[in-house]
Amino acid sequence: MAIFIGTFEEFNKYVGDYCRYTASCCGDKRRKERNKICQYCGNKQDLQSAHKHGTNRKDIMLKILNENFKHGDDNYNVDMDKFENLFKTAHGNDVFWYLCPKCHKQYDKHEITDEQIGNK
């Protein structure tokens, strides 16, 4: 069993890229089910998984760490297998919008809201 002990900044430094890749993989099946149709503009092109506002990757990581692995004020004692399972579960059906690159950029800049996408 792998264990990490350290701060969130250190955890993100060593595990952040893996979490980015894992989050992307979690949305792959649902992204493919969209048949390349953007949830906002309706154009057909390659889609990207956009974390919904309030559910970004780092926020999810930090929430999992705080709820399960807190060890003192600034440190975490993390069972990496348990973290991985919790992280994958947290990236269930209601975390992503599936957007074309143009709409994804607009969404990240808050030029498009959740309500606008959800009402399409």
PDB file of N, CA and C in Angstrom:
ATOM      1  N   MET A   1       0.841  -1.179   0.000  1.00  0.00           N
ATOM      2  CA  MET A   1       0.000   0.000   0.000  1.00  0.00           C
ATOM      3  C   MET A   1       0.888   1.245   0.000  1.00  0.00           C
ATOM      4  N   ALA A   2       0.662   2.120  -0.938  1.00  0.00           N
ATOM      5  CA  ALA A   2       1.428   3.360  -1.030  1.00  0.00           C
ATOM      6  C   ALA A   2       0.799   4.422  -0.128  1.00  0.00           C
ATOM      7  N   ILE A   3       1.647   5.170   0.549  1.00  0.00           N
ATOM      8  CA  ILE A   3       1.209   6.223   1.465  1.00  0.00           C
ATOM      9  C   ILE A   3       1.923   7.522   1.090  1.00  0.00           C
ATOM     10  N   PHE A   4       1.163   8.618   1.114  1.00  0.00           N
ATOM     11  CA  PHE A   4       1.743   9.946   0.937  1.00  0.00           C
ATOM     12  C   PHE A   4       1.523  10.710   2.234  1.00  0.00           C
ATOM     13  N   ILE A   5       2.558  11.412   2.700  1.00  0.00           N
ATOM     14  CA  ILE A   5       2.430  12.301   3.853  1.00  0.00           C
ATOM     15  C   ILE A   5       3.003  13.653   3.456  1.00  0.00           C
ATOM     16  N   GLY A   6       2.184  14.692   3.569  1.00  0.00           N
ATOM     17  CA  GLY A   6       2.642  16.029   3.218  1.00  0.00           C
ATOM     18  C   GLY A   6       1.485  16.991   3.071  1.00  0.00           C
ATOM     19  N   THR A   7       1.793  18.179   2.540  1.00  0.00           N
ATOM     20  CA  THR A   7       0.800  19.237   2.360  1.00  0.00           C
ATOM     21  C   THR A   7       0.043  19.035   1.056  1.00  0.00           C
ATOM     22  N   PHE A   8      -1.028  19.814   0.883  1.00  0.00           N
ATOM     23  CA  PHE A   8      -1.780  19.750  -0.377  1.00  0.00           C
ATOM     24  C   PHE A   8      -0.909  20.185  -1.548  1.00  0.00           C
ATOM     25  N   GLU A   9      -0.099  21.215  -1.350  1.00  0.00           N
ATOM     26  CA  GLU A   9       0.772  21.692  -2.425  1.00  0.00           C
ATOM     27  C   GLU A   9       1.728  20.583  -2.870  1.00  0.00           C
ATOM     28  N   GLU A  10       2.279  19.868  -1.923  1.00  0.00           N
ATOM     29  CA  GLU A  10       3.178  18.758  -2.251  1.00  0.00           C
ATOM     30  C   GLU A  10       2.409  17.624  -2.927  1.00  0.00           C
ATOM     31  N   PHE A  11       1.235  17.324  -2.412  1.00  0.00           N
ATOM     32  CA  PHE A  11       0.410  16.272  -3.004  1.00  0.00           C
ATOM     33  C   PHE A  11       0.105  16.612  -4.461  1.00  0.00           C
ATOM     34  N   ASN A  12      -0.321  17.840  -4.700  1.00  0.00           N
ATOM     35  CA  ASN A  12      -0.641  18.266  -6.060  1.00  0.00           C
ATOM     36  C   ASN A  12       0.597  18.217  -6.957  1.00  0.00           C
ATOM     37  N   LYS A  13       1.750  18.573  -6.423  1.00  0.00           N
ATOM     38  CA  LYS A  13       2.993  18.530  -7.199  1.00  0.00           C
ATOM     39  C   LYS A  13       3.280  17.119  -7.700  1.00  0.00           C
ATOM     40  N   TYR A  14       3.089  16.127  -6.852  1.00  0.00           N
ATOM     41  CA  TYR A  14       3.436  14.752  -7.206  1.00  0.00           C
ATOM     42  C   TYR A  14       2.296  13.969  -7.834  1.00  0.00           C
ATOM     43  N   VAL A  15       1.058  14.346  -7.536  1.00  0.00           N
ATOM     44  CA  VAL A  15      -0.089  13.545  -7.968  1.00  0.00           C
ATOM     45  C   VAL A  15      -1.021  14.322  -8.899  1.00  0.00           C
ATOM     46  N   GLY A  16      -0.835  15.621  -9.007  1.00  0.00           N
ATOM     47  CA  GLY A  16      -1.739  16.458  -9.793  1.00  0.00           C
ATOM     48  C   GLY A  16      -1.883  16.034 -11.243  1.00  0.00           C
ATOM     49  N   ASP A  17      -0.772  15.729 -11.907  1.00  0.00           N
ATOM     50  CA  ASP A  17      -0.852  15.317 -13.312  1.00  0.00           C
ATOM     51  C   ASP A  17      -1.581  13.992 -13.459  1.00  0.00           C
ATOM     52  N   TYR A  18      -1.353  13.074 -12.528  1.00  0.00           N
ATOM     53  CA  TYR A  18      -2.072  11.800 -12.562  1.00  0.00           C
ATOM     54  C   TYR A  18      -3.576  12.053 -12.391  1.00  0.00           C
ATOM     55  N   CYS A  19      -3.942  12.953 -11.483  1.00  0.00           N
ATOM     56  CA  CYS A  19      -5.358  13.264 -11.267  1.00  0.00           C
ATOM     57  C   CYS A  19      -5.964  13.919 -12.506  1.00  0.00           C
ATOM     58  N   ARG A  20      -5.217  14.766 -13.182  1.00  0.00           N
ATOM     59  CA  ARG A  20      -5.701  15.394 -14.413  1.00  0.00           C
ATOM     60  C   ARG A  20      -5.996  14.312 -15.461  1.00  0.00           C
ATOM     61  N   TYR A  21      -5.074  13.371 -15.619  1.00  0.00           N
ATOM     62  CA  TYR A  21      -5.256  12.281 -16.571  1.00  0.00           C
ATOM     63  C   TYR A  21      -6.443  11.401 -16.167  1.00  0.00           C
ATOM     64  N   THR A  22      -6.531  11.053 -14.903  1.00  0.00           N
ATOM     65  CA  THR A  22      -7.613  10.199 -14.407  1.00  0.00           C
ATOM     66  C   THR A  22      -8.967  10.872 -14.592  1.00  0.00           C
ATOM     67  N   ALA A  23      -9.044  12.168 -14.293  1.00  0.00           N
ATOM     68  CA  ALA A  23     -10.302  12.896 -14.473  1.00  0.00           C
ATOM     69  C   ALA A  23     -10.724  12.868 -15.933  1.00  0.00           C
ATOM     70  N   SER A  24      -9.771  13.073 -16.816  1.00  0.00           N
ATOM     71  CA  SER A  24     -10.070  13.038 -18.248  1.00  0.00           C
ATOM     72  C   SER A  24     -10.597  11.672 -18.661  1.00  0.00           C
ATOM     73  N   CYS A  25      -9.966  10.620 -18.171  1.00  0.00           N
ATOM     74  CA  CYS A  25     -10.399   9.250 -18.500  1.00  0.00           C
ATOM     75  C   CYS A  25     -11.795   8.969 -17.966  1.00  0.00           C
ATOM     76  N   CYS A  26     -12.135   9.535 -16.816  1.00  0.00           N
ATOM     77  CA  CYS A  26     -13.457   9.303 -16.234  1.00  0.00           C
ATOM     78  C   CYS A  26     -14.566   9.834 -17.137  1.00  0.00           C
ATOM     79  N   GLY A  27     -14.277  10.862 -17.904  1.00  0.00           N
ATOM     80  CA  GLY A  27     -15.286  11.430 -18.793  1.00  0.00           C
ATOM     81  C   GLY A  27     -15.279  10.854 -20.197  1.00  0.00           C
ATOM     82  N   ASP A  28     -14.310   9.997 -20.515  1.00  0.00           N
ATOM     83  CA  ASP A  28     -14.164   9.498 -21.880  1.00  0.00           C
ATOM     84  C   ASP A  28     -15.421   8.826 -22.414  1.00  0.00           C
ATOM     85  N   LYS A  29     -15.992   7.906 -21.657  1.00  0.00           N
ATOM     86  CA  LYS A  29     -17.153   7.152 -22.138  1.00  0.00           C
ATOM     87  C   LYS A  29     -18.334   8.083 -22.397  1.00  0.00           C
ATOM     88  N   ARG A  30     -18.630   8.959 -21.443  1.00  0.00           N
ATOM     89  CA  ARG A  30     -19.769   9.865 -21.598  1.00  0.00           C
ATOM     90  C   ARG A  30     -19.520  10.889 -22.709  1.00  0.00           C
ATOM     91  N   ARG A  31     -18.255  11.292 -22.881  1.00  0.00           N
ATOM     92  CA  ARG A  31     -17.921  12.218 -23.963  1.00  0.00           C
ATOM     93  C   ARG A  31     -18.183  11.545 -25.311  1.00  0.00           C
ATOM     94  N   LYS A  32     -17.793  10.284 -25.448  1.00  0.00           N
ATOM     95  CA  LYS A  32     -18.015   9.544 -26.695  1.00  0.00           C
ATOM     96  C   LYS A  32     -19.498   9.334 -26.964  1.00  0.00           C
ATOM     97  N   GLU A  33     -20.285   9.152 -25.908  1.00  0.00           N
ATOM     98  CA  GLU A  33     -21.727   8.963 -26.061  1.00  0.00           C
ATOM     99  C   GLU A  33     -22.415  10.193 -26.642  1.00  0.00           C
ATOM    100  N   ARG A  34     -21.780  11.334 -26.540  1.00  0.00           N
ATOM    101  CA  ARG A  34     -22.354  12.587 -27.073  1.00  0.00           C
ATOM    102  C   ARG A  34     -22.234  12.675 -28.598  1.00  0.00           C
ATOM    103  N   ASN A  35     -21.536  11.730 -29.214  1.00  0.00           N
ATOM    104  CA  ASN A  35     -21.373  11.705 -30.675  1.00  0.00           C
ATOM    105  C   ASN A  35     -20.847  13.016 -31.234  1.00  0.00           C
ATOM    106  N   LYS A  36     -19.896  13.603 -30.509  1.00  0.00           N
ATOM    107  CA  LYS A  36     -19.218  14.833 -30.914  1.00  0.00           C
ATOM    108  C   LYS A  36     -20.143  16.051 -30.999  1.00  0.00           C
ATOM    109  N   ILE A  37     -21.271  16.029 -30.306  1.00  0.00           N
ATOM    110  CA  ILE A  37     -22.202  17.160 -30.298  1.00  0.00           C
ATOM    111  C   ILE A  37     -21.976  17.965 -29.020  1.00  0.00           C
ATOM    112  N   CYS A  38     -21.519  19.209 -29.187  1.00  0.00           N
ATOM    113  CA  CYS A  38     -21.256  20.113 -28.064  1.00  0.00           C
ATOM    114  C   CYS A  38     -22.543  20.383 -27.297  1.00  0.00           C
ATOM    115  N   GLN A  39     -22.487  20.302 -25.977  1.00  0.00           N
ATOM    116  CA  GLN A  39     -23.665  20.528 -25.140  1.00  0.00           C
ATOM    117  C   GLN A  39     -24.115  21.981 -25.130  1.00  0.00           C
ATOM    118  N   TYR A  40     -23.279  22.887 -25.602  1.00  0.00           N
ATOM    119  CA  TYR A  40     -23.693  24.288 -25.609  1.00  0.00           C
ATOM    120  C   TYR A  40     -24.106  24.745 -27.001  1.00  0.00           C
ATOM    121  N   CYS A  41     -23.187  24.692 -27.953  1.00  0.00           N
ATOM    122  CA  CYS A  41     -23.493  25.253 -29.275  1.00  0.00           C
ATOM    123  C   CYS A  41     -24.134  24.252 -30.222  1.00  0.00           C
ATOM    124  N   GLY A  42     -24.033  22.955 -29.913  1.00  0.00           N
ATOM    125  CA  GLY A  42     -24.641  21.934 -30.761  1.00  0.00           C
ATOM    126  C   GLY A  42     -23.835  21.577 -31.990  1.00  0.00           C
ATOM    127  N   ASN A  43     -22.670  22.206 -32.160  1.00  0.00           N
ATOM    128  CA  ASN A  43     -21.824  21.879 -33.306  1.00  0.00           C
ATOM    129  C   ASN A  43     -21.199  20.509 -33.119  1.00  0.00           C
ATOM    130  N   LYS A  44     -20.918  19.867 -34.245  1.00  0.00           N
ATOM    131  CA  LYS A  44     -20.303  18.543 -34.199  1.00  0.00           C
ATOM    132  C   LYS A  44     -18.804  18.693 -34.410  1.00  0.00           C
ATOM    133  N   GLN A  45     -18.039  18.361 -33.386  1.00  0.00           N
ATOM    134  CA  GLN A  45     -16.579  18.361 -33.443  1.00  0.00           C
ATOM    135  C   GLN A  45     -16.037  17.627 -32.222  1.00  0.00           C
ATOM    136  N   ASP A  46     -14.739  17.422 -32.163  1.00  0.00           N
ATOM    137  CA  ASP A  46     -14.157  16.739 -31.016  1.00  0.00           C
ATOM    138  C   ASP A  46     -14.483  17.518 -29.750  1.00  0.00           C
ATOM    139  N   LEU A  47     -14.889  16.792 -28.722  1.00  0.00           N
ATOM    140  CA  LEU A  47     -15.306  17.416 -27.472  1.00  0.00           C
ATOM    141  C   LEU A  47     -14.232  17.301 -26.402  1.00  0.00           C
ATOM    142  N   GLN A  48     -14.324  18.208 -25.449  1.00  0.00           N
ATOM    143  CA  GLN A  48     -13.469  18.186 -24.271  1.00  0.00           C
ATOM    144  C   GLN A  48     -14.360  18.072 -23.043  1.00  0.00           C
ATOM    145  N   SER A  49     -13.836  17.467 -21.991  1.00  0.00           N
ATOM    146  CA  SER A  49     -14.553  17.376 -20.719  1.00  0.00           C
ATOM    147  C   SER A  49     -14.222  18.616 -19.903  1.00  0.00           C
ATOM    148  N   ALA A  50     -15.218  19.430 -19.635  1.00  0.00           N
ATOM    149  CA  ALA A  50     -15.030  20.651 -18.846  1.00  0.00           C
ATOM    150  C   ALA A  50     -15.627  20.437 -17.461  1.00  0.00           C
ATOM    151  N   HIS A  51     -14.792  20.521 -16.416  1.00  0.00           N
ATOM    152  CA  HIS A  51     -15.336  20.419 -15.059  1.00  0.00           C
ATOM    153  C   HIS A  51     -16.368  21.527 -14.870  1.00  0.00           C
ATOM    154  N   LYS A  52     -17.533  21.163 -14.357  1.00  0.00           N
ATOM    155  CA  LYS A  52     -18.549  22.170 -14.067  1.00  0.00           C
ATOM    156  C   LYS A  52     -18.014  23.115 -13.000  1.00  0.00           C
ATOM    157  N   HIS A  53     -18.436  24.371 -13.077  1.00  0.00           N
ATOM    158  CA  HIS A  53     -18.005  25.349 -12.089  1.00  0.00           C
ATOM    159  C   HIS A  53     -18.330  24.834 -10.689  1.00  0.00           C
ATOM    160  N   GLY A  54     -17.374  24.944  -9.799  1.00  0.00           N
ATOM    161  CA  GLY A  54     -17.538  24.472  -8.437  1.00  0.00           C
ATOM    162  C   GLY A  54     -17.112  23.028  -8.243  1.00  0.00           C
ATOM    163  N   THR A  55     -16.707  22.365  -9.320  1.00  0.00           N
ATOM    164  CA  THR A  55     -16.281  20.964  -9.215  1.00  0.00           C
ATOM    165  C   THR A  55     -14.940  20.761  -9.903  1.00  0.00           C
ATOM    166  N   ASN A  56     -14.059  21.738  -9.813  1.00  0.00           N
ATOM    167  CA  ASN A  56     -12.783  21.563 -10.515  1.00  0.00           C
ATOM    168  C   ASN A  56     -11.926  20.501  -9.831  1.00  0.00           C
ATOM    169  N   ARG A  57     -10.976  20.022 -10.556  1.00  0.00           N
ATOM    170  CA  ARG A  57     -10.138  18.902 -10.121  1.00  0.00           C
ATOM    171  C   ARG A  57      -9.471  19.162  -8.774  1.00  0.00           C
ATOM    172  N   LYS A  58      -8.863  20.331  -8.606  1.00  0.00           N
ATOM    173  CA  LYS A  58      -8.166  20.625  -7.352  1.00  0.00           C
ATOM    174  C   LYS A  58      -9.139  20.715  -6.178  1.00  0.00           C
ATOM    175  N   ASP A  59     -10.325  21.275  -6.410  1.00  0.00           N
ATOM    176  CA  ASP A  59     -11.319  21.338  -5.339  1.00  0.00           C
ATOM    177  C   ASP A  59     -11.757  19.938  -4.921  1.00  0.00           C
ATOM    178  N   ILE A  60     -11.927  19.055  -5.896  1.00  0.00           N
ATOM    179  CA  ILE A  60     -12.306  17.675  -5.599  1.00  0.00           C
ATOM    180  C   ILE A  60     -11.194  16.984  -4.823  1.00  0.00           C
ATOM    181  N   MET A  61      -9.955  17.175  -5.267  1.00  0.00           N
ATOM    182  CA  MET A  61      -8.820  16.576  -4.565  1.00  0.00           C
ATOM    183  C   MET A  61      -8.786  17.046  -3.108  1.00  0.00           C
ATOM    184  N   LEU A  62      -8.898  18.344  -2.900  1.00  0.00           N
ATOM    185  CA  LEU A  62      -8.810  18.916  -1.559  1.00  0.00           C
ATOM    186  C   LEU A  62      -9.962  18.447  -0.671  1.00  0.00           C
ATOM    187  N   LYS A  63     -11.156  18.369  -1.224  1.00  0.00           N
ATOM    188  CA  LYS A  63     -12.306  17.892  -0.455  1.00  0.00           C
ATOM    189  C   LYS A  63     -12.074  16.456   0.006  1.00  0.00           C
ATOM    190  N   ILE A  64     -11.610  15.605  -0.880  1.00  0.00           N
ATOM    191  CA  ILE A  64     -11.338  14.213  -0.520  1.00  0.00           C
ATOM    192  C   ILE A  64     -10.270  14.142   0.565  1.00  0.00           C
ATOM    193  N   LEU A  65      -9.205  14.919   0.403  1.00  0.00           N
ATOM    194  CA  LEU A  65      -8.136  14.914   1.401  1.00  0.00           C
ATOM    195  C   LEU A  65      -8.644  15.384   2.755  1.00  0.00           C
ATOM    196  N   ASN A  66      -9.399  16.484   2.771  1.00  0.00           N
ATOM    197  CA  ASN A  66      -9.897  17.029   4.040  1.00  0.00           C
ATOM    198  C   ASN A  66     -10.875  16.094   4.737  1.00  0.00           C
ATOM    199  N   GLU A  67     -11.696  15.401   3.969  1.00  0.00           N
ATOM    200  CA  GLU A  67     -12.705  14.528   4.559  1.00  0.00           C
ATOM    201  C   GLU A  67     -12.165  13.166   4.980  1.00  0.00           C
ATOM    202  N   ASN A  68     -11.022  12.762   4.430  1.00  0.00           N
ATOM    203  CA  ASN A  68     -10.570  11.390   4.655  1.00  0.00           C
ATOM    204  C   ASN A  68      -9.142  11.235   5.173  1.00  0.00           C
ATOM    205  N   PHE A  69      -8.293  12.225   4.967  1.00  0.00           N
ATOM    206  CA  PHE A  69      -6.869  12.001   5.221  1.00  0.00           C
ATOM    207  C   PHE A  69      -6.187  13.113   6.009  1.00  0.00           C
ATOM    208  N   LYS A  70      -6.949  13.970   6.666  1.00  0.00           N
ATOM    209  CA  LYS A  70      -6.370  15.094   7.410  1.00  0.00           C
ATOM    210  C   LYS A  70      -5.456  14.573   8.518  1.00  0.00           C
ATOM    211  N   HIS A  71      -4.275  15.164   8.610  1.00  0.00           N
ATOM    212  CA  HIS A  71      -3.280  14.753   9.613  1.00  0.00           C
ATOM    213  C   HIS A  71      -2.603  16.025  10.112  1.00  0.00           C
ATOM    214  N   GLY A  72      -3.187  16.649  11.117  1.00  0.00           N
ATOM    215  CA  GLY A  72      -2.654  17.915  11.611  1.00  0.00           C
ATOM    216  C   GLY A  72      -3.252  19.074  10.845  1.00  0.00           C
ATOM    217  N   ASP A  73      -2.666  20.258  11.021  1.00  0.00           N
ATOM    218  CA  ASP A  73      -3.213  21.464  10.399  1.00  0.00           C
ATOM    219  C   ASP A  73      -3.013  21.517   8.893  1.00  0.00           C
ATOM    220  N   ASP A  74      -1.811  21.232   8.420  1.00  0.00           N
ATOM    221  CA  ASP A  74      -1.503  21.408   7.002  1.00  0.00           C
ATOM    222  C   ASP A  74      -1.136  20.122   6.285  1.00  0.00           C
ATOM    223  N   ASN A  75      -1.104  19.014   6.984  1.00  0.00           N
ATOM    224  CA  ASN A  75      -0.621  17.776   6.383  1.00  0.00           C
ATOM    225  C   ASN A  75      -1.723  16.738   6.217  1.00  0.00           C
ATOM    226  N   TYR A  76      -1.463  15.835   5.305  1.00  0.00           N
ATOM    227  CA  TYR A  76      -2.359  14.727   5.019  1.00  0.00           C
ATOM    228  C   TYR A  76      -1.552  13.439   5.063  1.00  0.00           C
ATOM    229  N   ASN A  77      -2.192  12.380   5.523  1.00  0.00           N
ATOM    230  CA  ASN A  77      -1.616  11.040   5.536  1.00  0.00           C
ATOM    231  C   ASN A  77      -2.534  10.225   4.626  1.00  0.00           C
ATOM    232  N   VAL A  78      -2.113  10.000   3.383  1.00  0.00           N
ATOM    233  CA  VAL A  78      -3.003   9.530   2.328  1.00  0.00           C
ATOM    234  C   VAL A  78      -2.687   8.096   1.920  1.00  0.00           C
ATOM    235  N   ASP A  79      -3.694   7.230   2.051  1.00  0.00           N
ATOM    236  CA  ASP A  79      -3.655   5.894   1.454  1.00  0.00           C
ATOM    237  C   ASP A  79      -3.982   6.119  -0.019  1.00  0.00           C
ATOM    238  N   MET A  80      -3.001   5.944  -0.883  1.00  0.00           N
ATOM    239  CA  MET A  80      -3.149   6.320  -2.290  1.00  0.00           C
ATOM    240  C   MET A  80      -4.204   5.491  -3.023  1.00  0.00           C
ATOM    241  N   ASP A  81      -4.349   4.213  -2.688  1.00  0.00           N
ATOM    242  CA  ASP A  81      -5.383   3.395  -3.324  1.00  0.00           C
ATOM    243  C   ASP A  81      -6.775   3.902  -2.960  1.00  0.00           C
ATOM    244  N   LYS A  82      -6.966   4.230  -1.693  1.00  0.00           N
ATOM    245  CA  LYS A  82      -8.266   4.760  -1.256  1.00  0.00           C
ATOM    246  C   LYS A  82      -8.530   6.108  -1.926  1.00  0.00           C
ATOM    247  N   PHE A  83      -7.517   6.966  -1.975  1.00  0.00           N
ATOM    248  CA  PHE A  83      -7.684   8.256  -2.630  1.00  0.00           C
ATOM    249  C   PHE A  83      -8.099   8.071  -4.087  1.00  0.00           C
ATOM    250  N   GLU A  84      -7.405   7.189  -4.792  1.00  0.00           N
ATOM    251  CA  GLU A  84      -7.706   6.964  -6.210  1.00  0.00           C
ATOM    252  C   GLU A  84      -9.165   6.531  -6.394  1.00  0.00           C
ATOM    253  N   ASN A  85      -9.623   5.607  -5.575  1.00  0.00           N
ATOM    254  CA  ASN A  85     -11.017   5.149  -5.680  1.00  0.00           C
ATOM    255  C   ASN A  85     -12.003   6.269  -5.399  1.00  0.00           C
ATOM    256  N   LEU A  86     -11.736   7.064  -4.372  1.00  0.00           N
ATOM    257  CA  LEU A  86     -12.614   8.188  -4.045  1.00  0.00           C
ATOM    258  C   LEU A  86     -12.608   9.241  -5.147  1.00  0.00           C
ATOM    259  N   PHE A  87     -11.439   9.483  -5.733  1.00  0.00           N
ATOM    260  CA  PHE A  87     -11.316  10.477  -6.800  1.00  0.00           C
ATOM    261  C   PHE A  87     -12.100  10.041  -8.040  1.00  0.00           C
ATOM    262  N   LYS A  88     -11.983   8.786  -8.405  1.00  0.00           N
ATOM    263  CA  LYS A  88     -12.734   8.273  -9.564  1.00  0.00           C
ATOM    264  C   LYS A  88     -14.238   8.343  -9.301  1.00  0.00           C
ATOM    265  N   THR A  89     -14.659   7.976  -8.113  1.00  0.00           N
ATOM    266  CA  THR A  89     -16.081   8.029  -7.759  1.00  0.00           C
ATOM    267  C   THR A  89     -16.595   9.464  -7.816  1.00  0.00           C
ATOM    268  N   ALA A  90     -15.782  10.403  -7.380  1.00  0.00           N
ATOM    269  CA  ALA A  90     -16.175  11.821  -7.384  1.00  0.00           C
ATOM    270  C   ALA A  90     -16.351  12.362  -8.797  1.00  0.00           C
ATOM    271  N   HIS A  91     -15.793  11.681  -9.784  1.00  0.00           N
ATOM    272  CA  HIS A  91     -15.937  12.114 -11.172  1.00  0.00           C
ATOM    273  C   HIS A  91     -17.035  11.313 -11.874  1.00  0.00           C
ATOM    274  N   GLY A  92     -18.157  11.189 -11.182  1.00  0.00           N
ATOM    275  CA  GLY A  92     -19.304  10.475 -11.724  1.00  0.00           C
ATOM    276  C   GLY A  92     -20.018  11.274 -12.793  1.00  0.00           C
ATOM    277  N   ASN A  93     -21.300  11.040 -12.916  1.00  0.00           N
ATOM    278  CA  ASN A  93     -22.089  11.562 -14.029  1.00  0.00           C
ATOM    279  C   ASN A  93     -22.329  13.061 -14.023  1.00  0.00           C
ATOM    280  N   ASP A  94     -22.204  13.727 -12.898  1.00  0.00           N
ATOM    281  CA  ASP A  94     -22.623  15.129 -12.841  1.00  0.00           C
ATOM    282  C   ASP A  94     -21.479  16.101 -12.600  1.00  0.00           C
ATOM    283  N   VAL A  95     -20.310  15.815 -13.144  1.00  0.00           N
ATOM    284  CA  VAL A  95     -19.139  16.654 -12.902  1.00  0.00           C
ATOM    285  C   VAL A  95     -18.717  17.428 -14.147  1.00  0.00           C
ATOM    286  N   PHE A  96     -18.982  16.901 -15.321  1.00  0.00           N
ATOM    287  CA  PHE A  96     -18.492  17.495 -16.562  1.00  0.00           C
ATOM    288  C   PHE A  96     -19.608  17.999 -17.456  1.00  0.00           C
ATOM    289  N   TRP A  97     -19.261  19.031 -18.238  1.00  0.00           N
ATOM    290  CA  TRP A  97     -19.978  19.374 -19.458  1.00  0.00           C
ATOM    291  C   TRP A  97     -19.096  18.889 -20.595  1.00  0.00           C
ATOM    292  N   TYR A  98     -19.674  18.519 -21.704  1.00  0.00           N
ATOM    293  CA  TYR A  98     -18.909  18.052 -22.859  1.00  0.00           C
ATOM    294  C   TYR A  98     -19.040  19.105 -23.951  1.00  0.00           C
ATOM    295  N   LEU A  99     -17.957  19.853 -24.118  1.00  0.00           N
ATOM    296  CA  LEU A  99     -17.972  21.059 -24.940  1.00  0.00           C
ATOM    297  C   LEU A  99     -16.901  21.011 -26.018  1.00  0.00           C
ATOM    298  N   CYS A 100     -17.167  21.708 -27.120  1.00  0.00           N
ATOM    299  CA  CYS A 100     -16.135  21.888 -28.141  1.00  0.00           C
ATOM    300  C   CYS A 100     -15.058  22.806 -27.552  1.00  0.00           C
ATOM    301  N   PRO A 101     -13.875  22.831 -28.138  1.00  0.00           N
ATOM    302  CA  PRO A 101     -12.799  23.666 -27.580  1.00  0.00           C
ATOM    303  C   PRO A 101     -13.175  25.140 -27.423  1.00  0.00           C
ATOM    304  N   LYS A 102     -13.890  25.702 -28.390  1.00  0.00           N
ATOM    305  CA  LYS A 102     -14.275  27.118 -28.317  1.00  0.00           C
ATOM    306  C   LYS A 102     -15.201  27.369 -27.123  1.00  0.00           C
ATOM    307  N   CYS A 103     -16.210  26.532 -26.973  1.00  0.00           N
ATOM    308  CA  CYS A 103     -17.147  26.700 -25.860  1.00  0.00           C
ATOM    309  C   CYS A 103     -16.476  26.410 -24.525  1.00  0.00           C
ATOM    310  N   HIS A 104     -15.542  25.444 -24.499  1.00  0.00           N
ATOM    311  CA  HIS A 104     -14.815  25.133 -23.275  1.00  0.00           C
ATOM    312  C   HIS A 104     -14.036  26.367 -22.806  1.00  0.00           C
ATOM    313  N   LYS A 105     -13.352  27.034 -23.728  1.00  0.00           N
ATOM    314  CA  LYS A 105     -12.608  28.251 -23.355  1.00  0.00           C
ATOM    315  C   LYS A 105     -13.550  29.320 -22.821  1.00  0.00           C
ATOM    316  N   GLN A 106     -14.690  29.507 -23.490  1.00  0.00           N
ATOM    317  CA  GLN A 106     -15.658  30.500 -23.039  1.00  0.00           C
ATOM    318  C   GLN A 106     -16.208  30.137 -21.656  1.00  0.00           C
ATOM    319  N   TYR A 107     -16.460  28.865 -21.447  1.00  0.00           N
ATOM    320  CA  TYR A 107     -16.976  28.408 -20.155  1.00  0.00           C
ATOM    321  C   TYR A 107     -15.947  28.658 -19.050  1.00  0.00           C
ATOM    322  N   ASP A 108     -14.685  28.338 -19.316  1.00  0.00           N
ATOM    323  CA  ASP A 108     -13.637  28.558 -18.317  1.00  0.00           C
ATOM    324  C   ASP A 108     -13.474  30.037 -17.973  1.00  0.00           C
ATOM    325  N   LYS A 109     -13.779  30.914 -18.919  1.00  0.00           N
ATOM    326  CA  LYS A 109     -13.705  32.364 -18.682  1.00  0.00           C
ATOM    327  C   LYS A 109     -15.005  32.902 -18.093  1.00  0.00           C
ATOM    328  N   HIS A 110     -15.970  32.023 -17.805  1.00  0.00           N
ATOM    329  CA  HIS A 110     -17.281  32.381 -17.262  1.00  0.00           C
ATOM    330  C   HIS A 110     -18.101  33.224 -18.234  1.00  0.00           C
ATOM    331  N   GLU A 111     -17.822  33.100 -19.521  1.00  0.00           N
ATOM    332  CA  GLU A 111     -18.632  33.766 -20.539  1.00  0.00           C
ATOM    333  C   GLU A 111     -19.881  32.943 -20.847  1.00  0.00           C
ATOM    334  N   ILE A 112     -19.860  31.679 -20.479  1.00  0.00           N
ATOM    335  CA  ILE A 112     -21.004  30.772 -20.588  1.00  0.00           C
ATOM    336  C   ILE A 112     -21.244  30.221 -19.181  1.00  0.00           C
ATOM    337  N   THR A 113     -22.495  30.184 -18.774  1.00  0.00           N
ATOM    338  CA  THR A 113     -22.837  29.712 -17.419  1.00  0.00           C
ATOM    339  C   THR A 113     -23.396  28.291 -17.460  1.00  0.00           C
ATOM    340  N   ASP A 114     -23.432  27.679 -16.288  1.00  0.00           N
ATOM    341  CA  ASP A 114     -24.041  26.357 -16.161  1.00  0.00           C
ATOM    342  C   ASP A 114     -25.506  26.395 -16.579  1.00  0.00           C
ATOM    343  N   GLU A 115     -26.187  27.466 -16.190  1.00  0.00           N
ATOM    344  CA  GLU A 115     -27.597  27.586 -16.515  1.00  0.00           C
ATOM    345  C   GLU A 115     -27.813  27.643 -18.028  1.00  0.00           C
ATOM    346  N   GLN A 116     -26.928  28.342 -18.738  1.00  0.00           N
ATOM    347  CA  GLN A 116     -27.061  28.419 -20.189  1.00  0.00           C
ATOM    348  C   GLN A 116     -26.867  27.055 -20.834  1.00  0.00           C
ATOM    349  N   ILE A 117     -25.915  26.282 -20.345  1.00  0.00           N
ATOM    350  CA  ILE A 117     -25.686  24.945 -20.910  1.00  0.00           C
ATOM    351  C   ILE A 117     -26.826  24.021 -20.520  1.00  0.00           C
ATOM    352  N   GLY A 118     -27.223  24.068 -19.259  1.00  0.00           N
ATOM    353  CA  GLY A 118     -28.275  23.180 -18.760  1.00  0.00           C
ATOM    354  C   GLY A 118     -29.627  23.420 -19.389  1.00  0.00           C
ATOM    355  N   ASN A 119     -29.848  24.615 -19.919  1.00  0.00           N
ATOM    356  CA  ASN A 119     -31.118  24.938 -20.554  1.00  0.00           C
ATOM    357  C   ASN A 119     -31.142  24.635 -22.045  1.00  0.00           C
ATOM    358  N   LYS A 120     -30.081  24.103 -22.588  1.00  0.00           N
ATOM    359  CA  LYS A 120     -30.036  23.799 -24.024  1.00  0.00           C
ATOM    360  C   LYS A 120     -30.582  22.428 -24.281  1.00  0.00           C
TER     361      LYS A 120
END
